[in-house]
Amino acid sequence: MRPHIPAVQAAPRLNDCAGTRSRPSHSVALVSGLTLALTLSFSATPATAAKPVKSTANTTPSTPLQLTLENYYFRYGERPDACLGEDDELTWKALGELQPGESFTFTPQYPGCAGHVAAISVDLSWQGSQLELSSNAPDADMGSDDPQQKGRHIVAPTAANRAQLCMFPAYNSSGSDYTITLTNTGTTTATNIVLDGRSNNDWAVNFYNRCQQADADNDGWNDSLEHSIATLLYSVGYIDGVYQPYLLWGSNYLKAVADTAAADDEIDSSPVDFND
């Protein structure tokens, strides 16, 4: 005779609405166990190493120095003789790199108008190598009006990867042009070059901060100081008691010695000749 097995009574279902959770059934327990087993299985699988990314260091192509801005402003509209005159302005900029031996040149589209005294200024900064910033004076200095100064070669002094070049031509005739040249004279690439050029009226506010490192005649006096003095002494001068304008114009950014040998004419010499 088989033993008597008492009947299993179903557990009373709890009321979900009463806020209590239902007891987990056997099927829920089985699913939970299977989930845990799969989780442990995947956790035990070794992680796949990420695919290495190829380095791009030092593979960026260099950007040759190139003109990025050339803007002309004509206060009274473009002139019939196609030149930059009183109150007209030129702003230009070049950015990039120069390899050893390479050069960059800039020549304005419009030359200076006759009779317009201009302040031409170029500010340069860069990293690496050695650069030479140069130009040729388009006309004589406004202060001396010396025709021998036209075309004089100017090389900007450099210090701590900075250079400034300035010119103050009298523009006695139209069509006088100039070219700015930048050359990498070193043995490595010059990078992050910023070449910033302007041509304005020769008011001190336009050039003073841009010419404090410039010294076209290498006399130790910066061109901001020399041209400012020249404009303050505009057409005022006496030699041996005779008034002679355009001779004593103060310091000259293109000449480091006195114009005359007469006594008491120190203001036309820079550095000043205290022995005269």
Protein backbone atom coordinates (compact mmCIF):
# COMPACT_ATOMS: atom_id res chain seq x y z
CA MET A 1 0.00 0.00 0.00
CA ARG A 2 1.42 3.39 -1.09
CA PRO A 3 1.99 5.92 1.67
CA HIS A 4 -0.46 8.71 1.96
CA ILE A 5 0.86 12.02 0.66
CA PRO A 6 -1.03 14.96 2.03
CA ALA A 7 -2.34 17.42 -0.55
CA VAL A 8 -0.44 20.69 -0.85
CA GLN A 9 -2.72 23.59 -0.49
CA ALA A 10 -2.04 26.66 -2.63
CA ALA A 11 -0.80 29.63 -0.68
CA PRO A 12 -3.32 32.35 -0.44
CA ARG A 13 -2.59 35.20 -3.00
CA LEU A 14 -1.70 38.42 -1.33
CA ASN A 15 -3.47 41.54 -2.30
CA ASP A 16 -1.19 43.64 -4.55
CA CYS A 17 -3.40 46.61 -4.07
CA ALA A 18 -2.68 46.59 -0.36
CA GLY A 19 0.83 47.78 -1.02
CA THR A 20 2.59 44.47 -0.25
CA ARG A 21 4.67 42.60 -2.82
CA SER A 22 3.54 39.13 -4.07
CA ARG A 23 5.67 36.20 -3.12
CA PRO A 24 7.98 35.12 -5.93
CA SER A 25 6.79 32.01 -7.70
CA HIS A 26 9.02 29.10 -8.69
CA SER A 27 9.18 30.38 -12.29
CA VAL A 28 10.43 33.76 -11.14
CA ALA A 29 13.07 32.05 -9.05
CA LEU A 30 14.18 29.99 -12.05
CA VAL A 31 14.43 33.10 -14.27
CA SER A 32 16.38 34.91 -11.60
CA GLY A 33 18.79 32.02 -11.30
CA LEU A 34 19.24 31.82 -15.06
CA THR A 35 19.91 35.56 -15.25
CA LEU A 36 22.53 35.30 -12.50
CA ALA A 37 24.21 32.39 -14.29
CA LEU A 38 24.35 34.27 -17.59
CA THR A 39 25.68 37.35 -15.84
CA LEU A 40 28.44 35.33 -14.22
CA SER A 41 29.17 33.68 -17.55
CA PHE A 42 29.57 36.98 -19.40
CA SER A 43 31.54 38.43 -16.52
CA ALA A 44 34.00 35.59 -16.79
CA THR A 45 34.58 36.25 -20.53
CA PRO A 46 37.90 38.06 -21.00
CA ALA A 47 37.55 41.65 -22.31
CA THR A 48 38.66 42.33 -25.85
CA ALA A 49 41.50 44.88 -26.04
CA ALA A 50 40.67 48.18 -27.79
CA LYS A 51 42.13 48.63 -31.26
CA PRO A 52 45.12 50.96 -31.06
CA VAL A 53 44.67 54.38 -32.66
CA LYS A 54 47.38 55.44 -35.08
CA SER A 55 49.25 58.52 -33.86
CA THR A 56 48.98 61.62 -36.01
CA ALA A 57 51.76 63.53 -34.28
CA ASN A 58 54.11 65.45 -36.60
CA THR A 59 52.11 64.42 -39.65
CA THR A 60 50.20 67.70 -40.13
CA PRO A 61 51.37 69.34 -43.34
CA SER A 62 52.95 72.75 -42.96
CA THR A 63 51.08 75.86 -44.12
CA PRO A 64 53.27 78.11 -46.28
CA LEU A 65 53.28 81.79 -45.35
CA GLN A 66 50.51 83.44 -47.34
CA LEU A 67 48.53 86.65 -47.50
CA THR A 68 45.29 86.39 -45.49
CA LEU A 69 44.18 90.04 -45.52
CA GLU A 70 44.66 93.01 -47.87
CA ASN A 71 42.19 95.79 -47.22
CA TYR A 72 42.18 99.31 -48.69
CA TYR A 73 40.15 102.21 -47.35
CA PHE A 74 39.68 105.33 -49.48
CA ARG A 75 38.11 108.12 -47.47
CA TYR A 76 36.93 110.03 -50.53
CA GLY A 77 36.49 107.06 -52.83
CA GLU A 78 39.07 105.41 -55.04
CA ARG A 79 41.31 108.01 -56.62
CA PRO A 80 41.52 108.47 -60.40
CA ASP A 81 45.31 108.04 -60.31
CA ALA A 82 44.96 104.78 -58.33
CA CYS A 83 47.12 105.66 -55.33
CA LEU A 84 46.90 105.93 -51.53
CA GLY A 85 46.60 109.55 -50.38
CA GLU A 86 45.70 111.64 -47.38
CA ASP A 87 43.41 109.79 -44.92
CA ASP A 88 43.50 106.60 -47.02
CA GLU A 89 44.57 103.39 -45.29
CA LEU A 90 46.02 99.98 -46.08
CA THR A 91 45.86 97.00 -43.72
CA TRP A 92 47.34 93.61 -44.62
CA LYS A 93 48.37 90.41 -42.87
CA ALA A 94 50.19 87.18 -43.70
CA LEU A 95 50.15 83.94 -41.65
CA GLY A 96 51.93 80.60 -41.94
CA GLU A 97 55.39 79.03 -42.02
CA LEU A 98 58.65 79.46 -43.91
CA GLN A 99 61.14 76.69 -44.65
CA PRO A 100 64.90 77.44 -44.53
CA GLY A 101 65.85 79.64 -47.48
CA GLU A 102 62.26 80.50 -48.40
CA SER A 103 61.03 84.09 -48.80
CA PHE A 104 57.70 85.87 -48.79
CA THR A 105 57.09 89.24 -50.48
CA PHE A 106 54.27 91.76 -50.38
CA THR A 107 53.80 94.72 -52.73
CA PRO A 108 50.70 96.94 -52.31
CA GLN A 109 48.29 97.18 -55.21
CA TYR A 110 48.27 100.98 -54.86
CA PRO A 111 51.43 103.12 -54.48
CA GLY A 112 51.50 106.36 -52.50
CA CYS A 113 50.09 109.55 -53.99
CA ALA A 114 52.36 112.52 -54.61
CA GLY A 115 52.57 114.87 -51.63
CA HIS A 116 51.13 112.37 -49.15
CA VAL A 117 53.46 111.80 -46.21
CA ALA A 118 52.77 108.23 -45.08
CA ALA A 119 53.66 106.04 -42.10
CA ILE A 120 54.38 102.51 -43.32
CA SER A 121 54.74 100.01 -40.47
CA VAL A 122 55.25 96.24 -40.36
CA ASP A 123 55.11 94.20 -37.16
CA LEU A 124 56.49 90.62 -37.15
CA SER A 125 56.40 87.74 -34.67
CA TRP A 126 57.26 84.04 -35.11
CA GLN A 127 58.62 80.87 -33.47
CA GLY A 128 61.78 78.94 -34.33
CA SER A 129 64.61 79.66 -36.77
CA GLN A 130 65.85 83.14 -37.76
CA LEU A 131 63.97 85.58 -40.01
CA GLU A 132 65.08 88.72 -41.85
CA LEU A 133 62.52 91.48 -42.49
CA SER A 134 63.59 94.03 -45.10
CA SER A 135 62.48 96.60 -47.66
CA ASN A 136 63.72 99.52 -49.77
CA ALA A 137 62.58 103.06 -48.91
CA PRO A 138 60.10 104.17 -51.62
CA ASP A 139 61.18 107.80 -51.28
CA ALA A 140 63.27 110.17 -49.21
CA ASP A 141 62.48 110.70 -45.56
CA MET A 142 59.85 113.35 -45.01
CA GLY A 143 62.18 115.15 -42.60
CA SER A 144 65.22 115.58 -44.81
CA ASP A 145 63.78 115.27 -48.32
CA ASP A 146 67.18 113.87 -49.33
CA PRO A 147 66.85 112.27 -52.81
CA GLN A 148 69.77 109.93 -52.05
CA GLN A 149 67.61 108.15 -49.50
CA LYS A 150 65.17 106.85 -52.10
CA GLY A 151 65.66 103.11 -52.57
CA ARG A 152 67.84 102.73 -49.47
CA HIS A 153 67.85 99.13 -48.22
CA ILE A 154 66.44 98.67 -44.71
CA VAL A 155 66.83 95.56 -42.53
CA ALA A 156 64.75 95.45 -39.35
CA PRO A 157 66.54 94.63 -36.08
CA THR A 158 65.23 91.50 -34.32
CA ALA A 159 64.91 90.64 -30.64
CA ALA A 160 63.17 87.66 -28.99
CA ASN A 161 61.48 86.57 -32.24
CA ARG A 162 60.03 90.03 -32.84
CA ALA A 163 60.84 92.65 -35.46
CA GLN A 164 59.43 95.96 -36.65
CA LEU A 165 60.14 97.86 -39.86
CA CYS A 166 58.93 101.41 -40.50
CA MET A 167 59.26 103.94 -43.32
CA PHE A 168 58.11 107.56 -43.60
CA PRO A 169 58.42 108.50 -47.29
CA ALA A 170 57.78 112.05 -48.54
CA TYR A 171 56.23 110.75 -51.79
CA ASN A 172 57.44 113.64 -53.93
CA SER A 173 55.92 111.93 -56.96
CA SER A 174 53.19 109.39 -57.62
CA GLY A 175 53.94 105.79 -58.43
CA SER A 176 56.64 105.27 -55.78
CA ASP A 177 56.24 101.68 -54.70
CA TYR A 178 57.81 99.37 -52.14
CA THR A 179 58.04 95.66 -51.39
CA ILE A 180 58.22 94.00 -47.97
CA THR A 181 60.42 90.87 -47.95
CA LEU A 182 60.62 88.21 -45.24
CA THR A 183 63.30 85.50 -45.53
CA ASN A 184 64.06 82.47 -43.37
CA THR A 185 67.84 82.76 -42.93
CA GLY A 186 68.00 79.92 -40.39
CA THR A 187 68.28 76.15 -40.71
CA THR A 188 64.89 75.12 -39.30
CA THR A 189 61.25 75.86 -40.10
CA ALA A 190 59.90 79.18 -38.84
CA THR A 191 56.37 78.60 -37.51
CA ASN A 192 53.42 80.67 -36.28
CA ILE A 193 54.54 83.64 -38.37
CA VAL A 194 52.34 86.73 -38.04
CA LEU A 195 53.23 89.55 -40.44
CA ASP A 196 51.05 92.61 -39.86
CA GLY A 197 51.40 95.63 -42.17
CA ARG A 198 49.78 99.06 -42.35
CA SER A 199 50.01 102.34 -44.24
CA ASN A 200 48.37 105.41 -42.66
CA ASN A 201 48.78 109.13 -42.21
CA ASP A 202 51.93 109.79 -40.20
CA TRP A 203 50.16 110.80 -37.00
CA ALA A 204 51.97 109.42 -33.97
CA VAL A 205 48.91 107.48 -32.82
CA ASN A 206 49.12 105.43 -36.03
CA PHE A 207 52.75 104.34 -35.79
CA TYR A 208 54.26 104.99 -32.34
CA ASN A 209 53.58 101.59 -30.76
CA ARG A 210 54.45 99.82 -34.02
CA CYS A 211 57.89 101.41 -34.54
CA GLN A 212 59.48 101.34 -31.09
CA GLN A 213 61.69 98.41 -32.10
CA ALA A 214 62.37 99.72 -35.62
CA ASP A 215 65.69 101.46 -36.34
CA ALA A 216 66.23 101.91 -40.07
CA ASP A 217 69.58 103.72 -39.78
CA ASN A 218 70.90 101.61 -36.86
CA ASP A 219 71.81 104.68 -34.81
CA GLY A 220 70.33 103.37 -31.54
CA TRP A 221 67.30 105.68 -31.63
CA ASN A 222 64.03 103.94 -32.48
CA ASP A 223 62.05 105.22 -35.45
CA SER A 224 59.02 106.15 -33.35
CA LEU A 225 61.09 108.66 -31.42
CA GLU A 226 62.97 109.98 -34.45
CA HIS A 227 59.94 110.61 -36.65
CA SER A 228 57.94 112.09 -33.78
CA ILE A 229 60.70 114.63 -33.15
CA ALA A 230 60.90 115.38 -36.86
CA THR A 231 57.19 116.19 -37.07
CA LEU A 232 57.36 118.40 -33.96
CA LEU A 233 60.13 120.46 -35.57
CA TYR A 234 58.31 120.68 -38.88
CA SER A 235 59.87 123.34 -41.16
CA VAL A 236 61.49 125.28 -38.32
CA GLY A 237 65.19 126.04 -38.55
CA TYR A 238 67.76 128.82 -38.45
CA ILE A 239 71.31 128.45 -39.68
CA ASP A 240 73.66 131.33 -38.90
CA GLY A 241 70.64 133.50 -38.12
CA VAL A 242 68.92 132.86 -41.44
CA TYR A 243 65.58 131.04 -41.51
CA GLN A 244 65.91 128.03 -43.76
CA PRO A 245 62.99 125.60 -43.64
CA TYR A 246 63.40 121.94 -44.59
CA LEU A 247 66.99 121.84 -43.35
CA LEU A 248 66.56 121.42 -39.59
CA TRP A 249 63.75 118.94 -39.33
CA GLY A 250 64.96 117.18 -36.24
CA SER A 251 66.09 113.57 -36.06
CA ASN A 252 66.04 111.54 -39.26
CA TYR A 253 65.05 107.88 -39.26
CA LEU A 254 67.29 107.23 -42.30
CA LYS A 255 70.33 109.31 -41.33
CA ALA A 256 72.40 109.02 -38.17
CA VAL A 257 74.60 112.11 -38.64
CA ALA A 258 74.04 115.86 -38.89
CA ASP A 259 73.07 117.40 -42.22
CA THR A 260 75.37 120.38 -41.77
CA ALA A 261 78.61 121.27 -40.04
CA ALA A 262 77.31 124.60 -38.77
CA ALA A 263 77.32 125.37 -35.07
CA ASP A 264 74.20 125.09 -32.94
CA ASP A 265 72.38 122.72 -35.31
CA GLU A 266 72.25 119.75 -32.97
CA ILE A 267 68.57 119.13 -33.50
CA ASP A 268 69.22 117.69 -36.96
CA SER A 269 71.48 115.00 -35.58
CA SER A 270 70.57 111.78 -33.83
CA PRO A 271 72.26 110.83 -31.62
CA VAL A 272 72.66 114.48 -30.69
CA ASP A 273 76.09 115.98 -31.46
CA PHE A 274 76.98 117.61 -28.12
CA ASN A 275 80.46 118.55 -29.39
CA ASP A 276 79.17 120.83 -32.14
